[in-house]
Amino acid sequence: MSDDGDSLGEDGEGVVTAAEGPIRAEYEETESERILSFLNRDNGHTAAIAQNREGYAMLKVRPRPDGDELERYYGFEMALDHAAELIGVQTGDLPVPEAAADMGM
């Protein structure tokens, strides 16, 4: 994946990535959760949105994938708004890998 442009790819461990300008997104599924994490490469701020693997629970917003829960949301758009605020960008600046597009209730 290039760090200087838009891209979408999958690494060898099943993590799907997307980038838009300085924002990098990673989507992965663990044994218990679906996790969409963001990194703002300009300021180093991070945020993550997590949901259970079955995909029917509320979304948890965290400061990083393994961080403590900050807030829960039913809707993906509201969780994206909070994640964007945490990393210091507008919601529309967040690249969302296609695999994560169906998160939320």
PDB file of N, CA and C in Angstrom:
ATOM      1  N   MET A   1       0.831  -1.172   0.000  1.00  0.00           N
ATOM      2  CA  MET A   1       0.000   0.000   0.000  1.00  0.00           C
ATOM      3  C   MET A   1       0.872   1.231   0.000  1.00  0.00           C
ATOM      4  N   SER A   2       0.531   2.167  -0.809  1.00  0.00           N
ATOM      5  CA  SER A   2       1.261   3.421  -0.879  1.00  0.00           C
ATOM      6  C   SER A   2       0.796   4.341   0.233  1.00  0.00           C
ATOM      7  N   ASP A   3       1.708   5.076   0.825  1.00  0.00           N
ATOM      8  CA  ASP A   3       1.342   6.001   1.886  1.00  0.00           C
ATOM      9  C   ASP A   3       0.939   7.368   1.356  1.00  0.00           C
ATOM     10  N   ASP A   4       1.024   7.590   0.047  1.00  0.00           N
ATOM     11  CA  ASP A   4       0.767   8.925  -0.459  1.00  0.00           C
ATOM     12  C   ASP A   4      -0.436   9.025  -1.376  1.00  0.00           C
ATOM     13  N   GLY A   5      -1.286   8.038  -1.412  1.00  0.00           N
ATOM     14  CA  GLY A   5      -2.444   8.133  -2.276  1.00  0.00           C
ATOM     15  C   GLY A   5      -3.561   7.232  -1.810  1.00  0.00           C
ATOM     16  N   ASP A   6      -4.628   7.230  -2.579  1.00  0.00           N
ATOM     17  CA  ASP A   6      -5.764   6.386  -2.274  1.00  0.00           C
ATOM     18  C   ASP A   6      -5.411   4.956  -2.633  1.00  0.00           C
ATOM     19  N   SER A   7      -5.750   4.027  -1.778  1.00  0.00           N
ATOM     20  CA  SER A   7      -5.467   2.642  -2.098  1.00  0.00           C
ATOM     21  C   SER A   7      -6.353   1.730  -1.285  1.00  0.00           C
ATOM     22  N   LEU A   8      -6.476   0.537  -1.743  1.00  0.00           N
ATOM     23  CA  LEU A   8      -7.217  -0.485  -1.037  1.00  0.00           C
ATOM     24  C   LEU A   8      -6.489  -1.786  -1.274  1.00  0.00           C
ATOM     25  N   GLY A   9      -6.183  -2.498  -0.211  1.00  0.00           N
ATOM     26  CA  GLY A   9      -5.463  -3.757  -0.375  1.00  0.00           C
ATOM     27  C   GLY A   9      -5.702  -4.658   0.807  1.00  0.00           C
ATOM     28  N   GLU A  10      -5.188  -5.870   0.715  1.00  0.00           N
ATOM     29  CA  GLU A  10      -5.298  -6.813   1.825  1.00  0.00           C
ATOM     30  C   GLU A  10      -3.928  -7.400   2.061  1.00  0.00           C
ATOM     31  N   ASP A  11      -3.468  -7.340   3.312  1.00  0.00           N
ATOM     32  CA  ASP A  11      -2.149  -7.889   3.588  1.00  0.00           C
ATOM     33  C   ASP A  11      -2.249  -9.392   3.838  1.00  0.00           C
ATOM     34  N   GLY A  12      -1.151 -10.009   4.094  1.00  0.00           N
ATOM     35  CA  GLY A  12      -1.101 -11.450   4.258  1.00  0.00           C
ATOM     36  C   GLY A  12      -1.830 -11.976   5.473  1.00  0.00           C
ATOM     37  N   GLU A  13      -2.204 -11.133   6.413  1.00  0.00           N
ATOM     38  CA  GLU A  13      -2.870 -11.585   7.633  1.00  0.00           C
ATOM     39  C   GLU A  13      -4.365 -11.306   7.617  1.00  0.00           C
ATOM     40  N   GLY A  14      -4.940 -10.915   6.485  1.00  0.00           N
ATOM     41  CA  GLY A  14      -6.370 -10.684   6.411  1.00  0.00           C
ATOM     42  C   GLY A  14      -6.812  -9.329   6.906  1.00  0.00           C
ATOM     43  N   VAL A  15      -5.910  -8.392   7.026  1.00  0.00           N
ATOM     44  CA  VAL A  15      -6.267  -7.030   7.413  1.00  0.00           C
ATOM     45  C   VAL A  15      -6.480  -6.241   6.131  1.00  0.00           C
ATOM     46  N   VAL A  16      -7.665  -5.686   5.963  1.00  0.00           N
ATOM     47  CA  VAL A  16      -7.977  -4.882   4.793  1.00  0.00           C
ATOM     48  C   VAL A  16      -7.648  -3.439   5.119  1.00  0.00           C
ATOM     49  N   THR A  17      -6.942  -2.779   4.222  1.00  0.00           N
ATOM     50  CA  THR A  17      -6.531  -1.403   4.471  1.00  0.00           C
ATOM     51  C   THR A  17      -7.069  -0.473   3.397  1.00  0.00           C
ATOM     52  N   ALA A  18      -7.208   0.790   3.761  1.00  0.00           N
ATOM     53  CA  ALA A  18      -7.580   1.841   2.818  1.00  0.00           C
ATOM     54  C   ALA A  18      -6.908   3.119   3.295  1.00  0.00           C
ATOM     55  N   ALA A  19      -6.583   3.991   2.353  1.00  0.00           N
ATOM     56  CA  ALA A  19      -5.968   5.266   2.717  1.00  0.00           C
ATOM     57  C   ALA A  19      -6.565   6.370   1.876  1.00  0.00           C
ATOM     58  N   GLU A  20      -6.690   7.521   2.494  1.00  0.00           N
ATOM     59  CA  GLU A  20      -7.163   8.731   1.836  1.00  0.00           C
ATOM     60  C   GLU A  20      -6.326   9.863   2.399  1.00  0.00           C
ATOM     61  N   GLY A  21      -5.394  10.370   1.614  1.00  0.00           N
ATOM     62  CA  GLY A  21      -4.494  11.407   2.114  1.00  0.00           C
ATOM     63  C   GLY A  21      -3.738  10.888   3.318  1.00  0.00           C
ATOM     64  N   PRO A  22      -3.743  11.657   4.421  1.00  0.00           N
ATOM     65  CA  PRO A  22      -2.984  11.234   5.601  1.00  0.00           C
ATOM     66  C   PRO A  22      -3.709  10.204   6.480  1.00  0.00           C
ATOM     67  N   ILE A  23      -4.940   9.836   6.112  1.00  0.00           N
ATOM     68  CA  ILE A  23      -5.721   8.921   6.950  1.00  0.00           C
ATOM     69  C   ILE A  23      -5.585   7.494   6.440  1.00  0.00           C
ATOM     70  N   ARG A  24      -5.220   6.605   7.346  1.00  0.00           N
ATOM     71  CA  ARG A  24      -5.105   5.181   7.026  1.00  0.00           C
ATOM     72  C   ARG A  24      -6.146   4.435   7.844  1.00  0.00           C
ATOM     73  N   ALA A  25      -6.882   3.541   7.194  1.00  0.00           N
ATOM     74  CA  ALA A  25      -7.880   2.707   7.868  1.00  0.00           C
ATOM     75  C   ALA A  25      -7.465   1.253   7.743  1.00  0.00           C
ATOM     76  N   GLU A  26      -7.714   0.486   8.793  1.00  0.00           N
ATOM     77  CA  GLU A  26      -7.484  -0.955   8.782  1.00  0.00           C
ATOM     78  C   GLU A  26      -8.719  -1.643   9.332  1.00  0.00           C
ATOM     79  N   TYR A  27      -9.154  -2.681   8.633  1.00  0.00           N
ATOM     80  CA  TYR A  27     -10.290  -3.472   9.080  1.00  0.00           C
ATOM     81  C   TYR A  27      -9.818  -4.910   9.264  1.00  0.00           C
ATOM     82  N   GLU A  28     -10.158  -5.478  10.412  1.00  0.00           N
ATOM     83  CA  GLU A  28      -9.819  -6.874  10.678  1.00  0.00           C
ATOM     84  C   GLU A  28     -10.897  -7.523  11.519  1.00  0.00           C
ATOM     85  N   GLU A  29     -10.932  -8.841  11.447  1.00  0.00           N
ATOM     86  CA  GLU A  29     -11.836  -9.615  12.288  1.00  0.00           C
ATOM     87  C   GLU A  29     -11.006 -10.486  13.205  1.00  0.00           C
ATOM     88  N   THR A  30     -11.221 -10.317  14.506  1.00  0.00           N
ATOM     89  CA  THR A  30     -10.558 -11.153  15.497  1.00  0.00           C
ATOM     90  C   THR A  30     -11.498 -12.316  15.833  1.00  0.00           C
ATOM     91  N   GLU A  31     -11.140 -13.109  16.814  1.00  0.00           N
ATOM     92  CA  GLU A  31     -12.012 -14.212  17.224  1.00  0.00           C
ATOM     93  C   GLU A  31     -13.356 -13.713  17.740  1.00  0.00           C
ATOM     94  N   SER A  32     -13.386 -12.500  18.301  1.00  0.00           N
ATOM     95  CA  SER A  32     -14.622 -12.016  18.913  1.00  0.00           C
ATOM     96  C   SER A  32     -15.169 -10.720  18.329  1.00  0.00           C
ATOM     97  N   GLU A  33     -14.365  -9.983  17.563  1.00  0.00           N
ATOM     98  CA  GLU A  33     -14.815  -8.665  17.102  1.00  0.00           C
ATOM     99  C   GLU A  33     -14.441  -8.371  15.656  1.00  0.00           C
ATOM    100  N   ARG A  34     -15.191  -7.435  15.097  1.00  0.00           N
ATOM    101  CA  ARG A  34     -14.841  -6.772  13.845  1.00  0.00           C
ATOM    102  C   ARG A  34     -14.295  -5.409  14.270  1.00  0.00           C
ATOM    103  N   ILE A  35     -13.119  -5.027  13.797  1.00  0.00           N
ATOM    104  CA  ILE A  35     -12.497  -3.785  14.235  1.00  0.00           C
ATOM    105  C   ILE A  35     -12.073  -2.952  13.030  1.00  0.00           C
ATOM    106  N   LEU A  36     -12.534  -1.710  13.020  1.00  0.00           N
ATOM    107  CA  LEU A  36     -12.130  -0.737  12.020  1.00  0.00           C
ATOM    108  C   LEU A  36     -11.340   0.334  12.757  1.00  0.00           C
ATOM    109  N   SER A  37     -10.063   0.472  12.424  1.00  0.00           N
ATOM    110  CA  SER A  37      -9.229   1.451  13.117  1.00  0.00           C
ATOM    111  C   SER A  37      -8.700   2.483  12.135  1.00  0.00           C
ATOM    112  N   PHE A  38      -8.458   3.674  12.658  1.00  0.00           N
ATOM    113  CA  PHE A  38      -7.985   4.798  11.857  1.00  0.00           C
ATOM    114  C   PHE A  38      -6.728   5.395  12.471  1.00  0.00           C
ATOM    115  N   LEU A  39      -5.841   5.869  11.604  1.00  0.00           N
ATOM    116  CA  LEU A  39      -4.642   6.583  12.008  1.00  0.00           C
ATOM    117  C   LEU A  39      -4.539   7.836  11.161  1.00  0.00           C
ATOM    118  N   ASN A  40      -4.386   8.977  11.829  1.00  0.00           N
ATOM    119  CA  ASN A  40      -4.095  10.224  11.133  1.00  0.00           C
ATOM    120  C   ASN A  40      -2.579  10.364  11.149  1.00  0.00           C
ATOM    121  N   ARG A  41      -1.946  10.140  10.003  1.00  0.00           N
ATOM    122  CA  ARG A  41      -0.483  10.169   9.933  1.00  0.00           C
ATOM    123  C   ARG A  41       0.077  11.572  10.106  1.00  0.00           C
ATOM    124  N   ASP A  42      -0.760  12.600   9.982  1.00  0.00           N
ATOM    125  CA  ASP A  42      -0.282  13.968  10.203  1.00  0.00           C
ATOM    126  C   ASP A  42      -0.058  14.279  11.679  1.00  0.00           C
ATOM    127  N   ASN A  43      -0.952  13.788  12.554  1.00  0.00           N
ATOM    128  CA  ASN A  43      -0.824  14.124  13.976  1.00  0.00           C
ATOM    129  C   ASN A  43      -0.645  12.907  14.885  1.00  0.00           C
ATOM    130  N   GLY A  44      -0.701  11.693  14.321  1.00  0.00           N
ATOM    131  CA  GLY A  44      -0.504  10.479  15.107  1.00  0.00           C
ATOM    132  C   GLY A  44      -1.712  10.025  15.904  1.00  0.00           C
ATOM    133  N   HIS A  45      -2.836  10.731  15.812  1.00  0.00           N
ATOM    134  CA  HIS A  45      -4.028  10.362  16.563  1.00  0.00           C
ATOM    135  C   HIS A  45      -4.678   9.117  15.967  1.00  0.00           C
ATOM    136  N   THR A  46      -5.261   8.310  16.842  1.00  0.00           N
ATOM    137  CA  THR A  46      -5.903   7.067  16.422  1.00  0.00           C
ATOM    138  C   THR A  46      -7.307   6.967  16.993  1.00  0.00           C
ATOM    139  N   ALA A  47      -8.108   6.108  16.367  1.00  0.00           N
ATOM    140  CA  ALA A  47      -9.455   5.794  16.841  1.00  0.00           C
ATOM    141  C   ALA A  47      -9.816   4.425  16.283  1.00  0.00           C
ATOM    142  N   ALA A  48     -10.749   3.762  16.948  1.00  0.00           N
ATOM    143  CA  ALA A  48     -11.199   2.457  16.481  1.00  0.00           C
ATOM    144  C   ALA A  48     -12.688   2.303  16.745  1.00  0.00           C
ATOM    145  N   ILE A  49     -13.329   1.545  15.865  1.00  0.00           N
ATOM    146  CA  ILE A  49     -14.735   1.186  16.011  1.00  0.00           C
ATOM    147  C   ILE A  49     -14.784  -0.328  16.036  1.00  0.00           C
ATOM    148  N   ALA A  50     -15.439  -0.898  17.054  1.00  0.00           N
ATOM    149  CA  ALA A  50     -15.505  -2.349  17.198  1.00  0.00           C
ATOM    150  C   ALA A  50     -16.947  -2.811  17.324  1.00  0.00           C
ATOM    151  N   GLN A  51     -17.191  -4.006  16.819  1.00  0.00           N
ATOM    152  CA  GLN A  51     -18.510  -4.633  16.897  1.00  0.00           C
ATOM    153  C   GLN A  51     -18.289  -6.128  17.050  1.00  0.00           C
ATOM    154  N   ASN A  52     -19.253  -6.835  17.655  1.00  0.00           N
ATOM    155  CA  ASN A  52     -19.065  -8.281  17.784  1.00  0.00           C
ATOM    156  C   ASN A  52     -19.039  -8.929  16.402  1.00  0.00           C
ATOM    157  N   ARG A  53     -18.504 -10.109  16.310  1.00  0.00           N
ATOM    158  CA  ARG A  53     -18.351 -10.795  15.004  1.00  0.00           C
ATOM    159  C   ARG A  53     -19.678 -11.068  14.331  1.00  0.00           C
ATOM    160  N   GLU A  54     -20.714 -11.271  15.114  1.00  0.00           N
ATOM    161  CA  GLU A  54     -22.020 -11.562  14.535  1.00  0.00           C
ATOM    162  C   GLU A  54     -22.609 -10.315  13.865  1.00  0.00           C
ATOM    163  N   GLY A  55     -22.122  -9.131  14.230  1.00  0.00           N
ATOM    164  CA  GLY A  55     -22.530  -7.904  13.575  1.00  0.00           C
ATOM    165  C   GLY A  55     -23.859  -7.332  13.993  1.00  0.00           C
ATOM    166  N   TYR A  56     -24.389  -7.719  15.135  1.00  0.00           N
ATOM    167  CA  TYR A  56     -25.682  -7.182  15.543  1.00  0.00           C
ATOM    168  C   TYR A  56     -25.631  -6.346  16.817  1.00  0.00           C
ATOM    169  N   ALA A  57     -24.488  -6.174  17.413  1.00  0.00           N
ATOM    170  CA  ALA A  57     -24.366  -5.405  18.649  1.00  0.00           C
ATOM    171  C   ALA A  57     -24.040  -3.945  18.358  1.00  0.00           C
ATOM    172  N   MET A  58     -24.176  -3.132  19.372  1.00  0.00           N
ATOM    173  CA  MET A  58     -23.815  -1.726  19.242  1.00  0.00           C
ATOM    174  C   MET A  58     -22.331  -1.599  18.918  1.00  0.00           C
ATOM    175  N   LEU A  59     -21.981  -0.491  18.278  1.00  0.00           N
ATOM    176  CA  LEU A  59     -20.591  -0.202  17.934  1.00  0.00           C
ATOM    177  C   LEU A  59     -19.912   0.482  19.101  1.00  0.00           C
ATOM    178  N   LYS A  60     -18.700   0.085  19.400  1.00  0.00           N
ATOM    179  CA  LYS A  60     -17.920   0.674  20.485  1.00  0.00           C
ATOM    180  C   LYS A  60     -16.823   1.540  19.870  1.00  0.00           C
ATOM    181  N   VAL A  61     -16.740   2.776  20.284  1.00  0.00           N
ATOM    182  CA  VAL A  61     -15.659   3.656  19.829  1.00  0.00           C
ATOM    183  C   VAL A  61     -14.592   3.674  20.906  1.00  0.00           C
ATOM    184  N   ARG A  62     -13.348   3.482  20.467  1.00  0.00           N
ATOM    185  CA  ARG A  62     -12.192   3.420  21.369  1.00  0.00           C
ATOM    186  C   ARG A  62     -11.103   4.347  20.845  1.00  0.00           C
ATOM    187  N   PRO A  63     -10.167   4.734  21.691  1.00  0.00           N
ATOM    188  CA  PRO A  63      -9.060   5.560  21.210  1.00  0.00           C
ATOM    189  C   PRO A  63      -8.068   4.774  20.353  1.00  0.00           C
ATOM    190  N   ARG A  64      -8.082   3.455  20.454  1.00  0.00           N
ATOM    191  CA  ARG A  64      -7.229   2.560  19.658  1.00  0.00           C
ATOM    192  C   ARG A  64      -7.884   1.175  19.712  1.00  0.00           C
ATOM    193  N   PRO A  65      -7.492   0.255  18.842  1.00  0.00           N
ATOM    194  CA  PRO A  65      -8.175  -1.040  18.792  1.00  0.00           C
ATOM    195  C   PRO A  65      -8.260  -1.783  20.125  1.00  0.00           C
ATOM    196  N   ASP A  66      -7.215  -1.692  20.945  1.00  0.00           N
ATOM    197  CA  ASP A  66      -7.213  -2.397  22.224  1.00  0.00           C
ATOM    198  C   ASP A  66      -7.508  -1.483  23.404  1.00  0.00           C
ATOM    199  N   GLY A  67      -7.991  -0.279  23.127  1.00  0.00           N
ATOM    200  CA  GLY A  67      -8.252   0.695  24.186  1.00  0.00           C
ATOM    201  C   GLY A  67      -9.593   0.488  24.865  1.00  0.00           C
ATOM    202  N   ASP A  68      -9.817   1.271  25.906  1.00  0.00           N
ATOM    203  CA  ASP A  68     -11.081   1.229  26.630  1.00  0.00           C
ATOM    204  C   ASP A  68     -12.174   1.911  25.820  1.00  0.00           C
ATOM    205  N   GLU A  69     -13.368   1.397  25.953  1.00  0.00           N
ATOM    206  CA  GLU A  69     -14.522   1.946  25.256  1.00  0.00           C
ATOM    207  C   GLU A  69     -14.807   3.373  25.725  1.00  0.00           C
ATOM    208  N   LEU A  70     -15.012   4.273  24.766  1.00  0.00           N
ATOM    209  CA  LEU A  70     -15.366   5.653  25.084  1.00  0.00           C
ATOM    210  C   LEU A  70     -16.870   5.890  24.999  1.00  0.00           C
ATOM    211  N   GLU A  71     -17.514   5.259  24.017  1.00  0.00           N
ATOM    212  CA  GLU A  71     -18.939   5.469  23.768  1.00  0.00           C
ATOM    213  C   GLU A  71     -19.460   4.318  22.921  1.00  0.00           C
ATOM    214  N   ARG A  72     -20.786   4.099  22.979  1.00  0.00           N
ATOM    215  CA  ARG A  72     -21.449   3.092  22.136  1.00  0.00           C
ATOM    216  C   ARG A  72     -22.488   3.776  21.259  1.00  0.00           C
ATOM    217  N   TYR A  73     -22.626   3.258  20.049  1.00  0.00           N
ATOM    218  CA  TYR A  73     -23.586   3.808  19.093  1.00  0.00           C
ATOM    219  C   TYR A  73     -24.302   2.675  18.369  1.00  0.00           C
ATOM    220  N   TYR A  74     -25.572   2.931  18.000  1.00  0.00           N
ATOM    221  CA  TYR A  74     -26.309   1.992  17.157  1.00  0.00           C
ATOM    222  C   TYR A  74     -25.896   2.158  15.703  1.00  0.00           C
ATOM    223  N   GLY A  75     -25.723   3.405  15.272  1.00  0.00           N
ATOM    224  CA  GLY A  75     -25.473   3.686  13.874  1.00  0.00           C
ATOM    225  C   GLY A  75     -24.003   3.854  13.536  1.00  0.00           C
ATOM    226  N   PHE A  76     -23.623   3.349  12.368  1.00  0.00           N
ATOM    227  CA  PHE A  76     -22.254   3.436  11.902  1.00  0.00           C
ATOM    228  C   PHE A  76     -21.849   4.894  11.676  1.00  0.00           C
ATOM    229  N   GLU A  77     -22.756   5.705  11.139  1.00  0.00           N
ATOM    230  CA  GLU A  77     -22.426   7.098  10.861  1.00  0.00           C
ATOM    231  C   GLU A  77     -22.069   7.860  12.138  1.00  0.00           C
ATOM    232  N   MET A  78     -22.803   7.598  13.212  1.00  0.00           N
ATOM    233  CA  MET A  78     -22.509   8.271  14.485  1.00  0.00           C
ATOM    234  C   MET A  78     -21.148   7.830  15.028  1.00  0.00           C
ATOM    235  N   ALA A  79     -20.841   6.543  14.889  1.00  0.00           N
ATOM    236  CA  ALA A  79     -19.541   6.038  15.338  1.00  0.00           C
ATOM    237  C   ALA A  79     -18.421   6.647  14.493  1.00  0.00           C
ATOM    238  N   LEU A  80     -18.641   6.769  13.179  1.00  0.00           N
ATOM    239  CA  LEU A  80     -17.654   7.400  12.313  1.00  0.00           C
ATOM    240  C   LEU A  80     -17.442   8.863  12.687  1.00  0.00           C
ATOM    241  N   ASP A  81     -18.525   9.572  13.020  1.00  0.00           N
ATOM    242  CA  ASP A  81     -18.409  10.972  13.454  1.00  0.00           C
ATOM    243  C   ASP A  81     -17.485  11.084  14.668  1.00  0.00           C
ATOM    244  N   HIS A  82     -17.679  10.203  15.643  1.00  0.00           N
ATOM    245  CA  HIS A  82     -16.871  10.237  16.860  1.00  0.00           C
ATOM    246  C   HIS A  82     -15.416   9.891  16.544  1.00  0.00           C
ATOM    247  N   ALA A  83     -15.201   8.882  15.703  1.00  0.00           N
ATOM    248  CA  ALA A  83     -13.837   8.487  15.328  1.00  0.00           C
ATOM    249  C   ALA A  83     -13.131   9.644  14.614  1.00  0.00           C
ATOM    250  N   ALA A  84     -13.837  10.309  13.712  1.00  0.00           N
ATOM    251  CA  ALA A  84     -13.255  11.446  12.995  1.00  0.00           C
ATOM    252  C   ALA A  84     -12.863  12.553  13.961  1.00  0.00           C
ATOM    253  N   GLU A  85     -13.717  12.813  14.936  1.00  0.00           N
ATOM    254  CA  GLU A  85     -13.412  13.837  15.947  1.00  0.00           C
ATOM    255  C   GLU A  85     -12.148  13.467  16.719  1.00  0.00           C
ATOM    256  N   LEU A  86     -11.999  12.195  17.072  1.00  0.00           N
ATOM    257  CA  LEU A  86     -10.835  11.757  17.831  1.00  0.00           C
ATOM    258  C   LEU A  86      -9.529  11.949  17.066  1.00  0.00           C
ATOM    259  N   ILE A  87      -9.558  11.770  15.750  1.00  0.00           N
ATOM    260  CA  ILE A  87      -8.315  11.897  14.991  1.00  0.00           C
ATOM    261  C   ILE A  87      -8.158  13.262  14.332  1.00  0.00           C
ATOM    262  N   GLY A  88      -9.154  14.138  14.518  1.00  0.00           N
ATOM    263  CA  GLY A  88      -9.015  15.513  14.070  1.00  0.00           C
ATOM    264  C   GLY A  88      -9.308  15.765  12.599  1.00  0.00           C
ATOM    265  N   VAL A  89     -10.280  15.030  12.025  1.00  0.00           N
ATOM    266  CA  VAL A  89     -10.667  15.244  10.635  1.00  0.00           C
ATOM    267  C   VAL A  89     -12.186  15.272  10.515  1.00  0.00           C
ATOM    268  N   GLN A  90     -12.666  15.577   9.320  1.00  0.00           N
ATOM    269  CA  GLN A  90     -14.095  15.522   9.029  1.00  0.00           C
ATOM    270  C   GLN A  90     -14.484  14.074   8.738  1.00  0.00           C
ATOM    271  N   THR A  91     -15.717  13.712   9.021  1.00  0.00           N
ATOM    272  CA  THR A  91     -16.181  12.348   8.800  1.00  0.00           C
ATOM    273  C   THR A  91     -15.961  11.904   7.356  1.00  0.00           C
ATOM    274  N   GLY A  92     -16.203  12.780   6.416  1.00  0.00           N
ATOM    275  CA  GLY A  92     -16.033  12.445   5.007  1.00  0.00           C
ATOM    276  C   GLY A  92     -14.598  12.153   4.611  1.00  0.00           C
ATOM    277  N   ASP A  93     -13.637  12.490   5.473  1.00  0.00           N
ATOM    278  CA  ASP A  93     -12.225  12.224   5.201  1.00  0.00           C
ATOM    279  C   ASP A  93     -11.805  10.801   5.575  1.00  0.00           C
ATOM    280  N   LEU A  94     -12.703  10.059   6.231  1.00  0.00           N
ATOM    281  CA  LEU A  94     -12.363   8.706   6.675  1.00  0.00           C
ATOM    282  C   LEU A  94     -12.581   7.698   5.552  1.00  0.00           C
ATOM    283  N   PRO A  95     -11.523   7.014   5.133  1.00  0.00           N
ATOM    284  CA  PRO A  95     -11.704   5.940   4.166  1.00  0.00           C
ATOM    285  C   PRO A  95     -12.268   4.716   4.882  1.00  0.00           C
ATOM    286  N   VAL A  96     -13.292   4.100   4.318  1.00  0.00           N
ATOM    287  CA  VAL A  96     -13.893   2.914   4.929  1.00  0.00           C
ATOM    288  C   VAL A  96     -13.751   1.749   3.954  1.00  0.00           C
ATOM    289  N   PRO A  97     -12.941   0.753   4.304  1.00  0.00           N
ATOM    290  CA  PRO A  97     -12.819  -0.425   3.447  1.00  0.00           C
ATOM    291  C   PRO A  97     -14.187  -1.060   3.231  1.00  0.00           C
ATOM    292  N   GLU A  98     -14.423  -1.592   2.046  1.00  0.00           N
ATOM    293  CA  GLU A  98     -15.714  -2.187   1.707  1.00  0.00           C
ATOM    294  C   GLU A  98     -16.146  -3.254   2.717  1.00  0.00           C
ATOM    295  N   ALA A  99     -15.203  -4.014   3.243  1.00  0.00           N
ATOM    296  CA  ALA A  99     -15.530  -5.078   4.209  1.00  0.00           C
ATOM    297  C   ALA A  99     -16.159  -4.527   5.480  1.00  0.00           C
ATOM    298  N   ALA A 100     -15.920  -3.245   5.785  1.00  0.00           N
ATOM    299  CA  ALA A 100     -16.455  -2.641   7.014  1.00  0.00           C
ATOM    300  C   ALA A 100     -17.715  -1.817   6.764  1.00  0.00           C
ATOM    301  N   ALA A 101     -18.129  -1.681   5.533  1.00  0.00           N
ATOM    302  CA  ALA A 101     -19.237  -0.790   5.189  1.00  0.00           C
ATOM    303  C   ALA A 101     -20.576  -1.202   5.806  1.00  0.00           C
ATOM    304  N   ASP A 102     -20.723  -2.451   6.227  1.00  0.00           N
ATOM    305  CA  ASP A 102     -21.990  -2.906   6.782  1.00  0.00           C
ATOM    306  C   ASP A 102     -22.014  -2.930   8.309  1.00  0.00           C
ATOM    307  N   MET A 103     -21.053  -2.279   8.948  1.00  0.00           N
ATOM    308  CA  MET A 103     -21.042  -2.250  10.413  1.00  0.00           C
ATOM    309  C   MET A 103     -22.204  -1.393  10.918  1.00  0.00           C
ATOM    310  N   GLY A 104     -22.652  -1.676  12.104  1.00  0.00           N
ATOM    311  CA  GLY A 104     -23.768  -0.940  12.699  1.00  0.00           C
ATOM    312  C   GLY A 104     -25.034  -1.771  12.703  1.00  0.00           C
ATOM    313  N   MET A 105     -26.070  -1.226  13.332  1.00  0.00           N
ATOM    314  CA  MET A 105     -27.325  -1.971  13.444  1.00  0.00           C
ATOM    315  C   MET A 105     -28.337  -1.468  12.445  1.00  0.00           C
TER     316      MET A 105
END
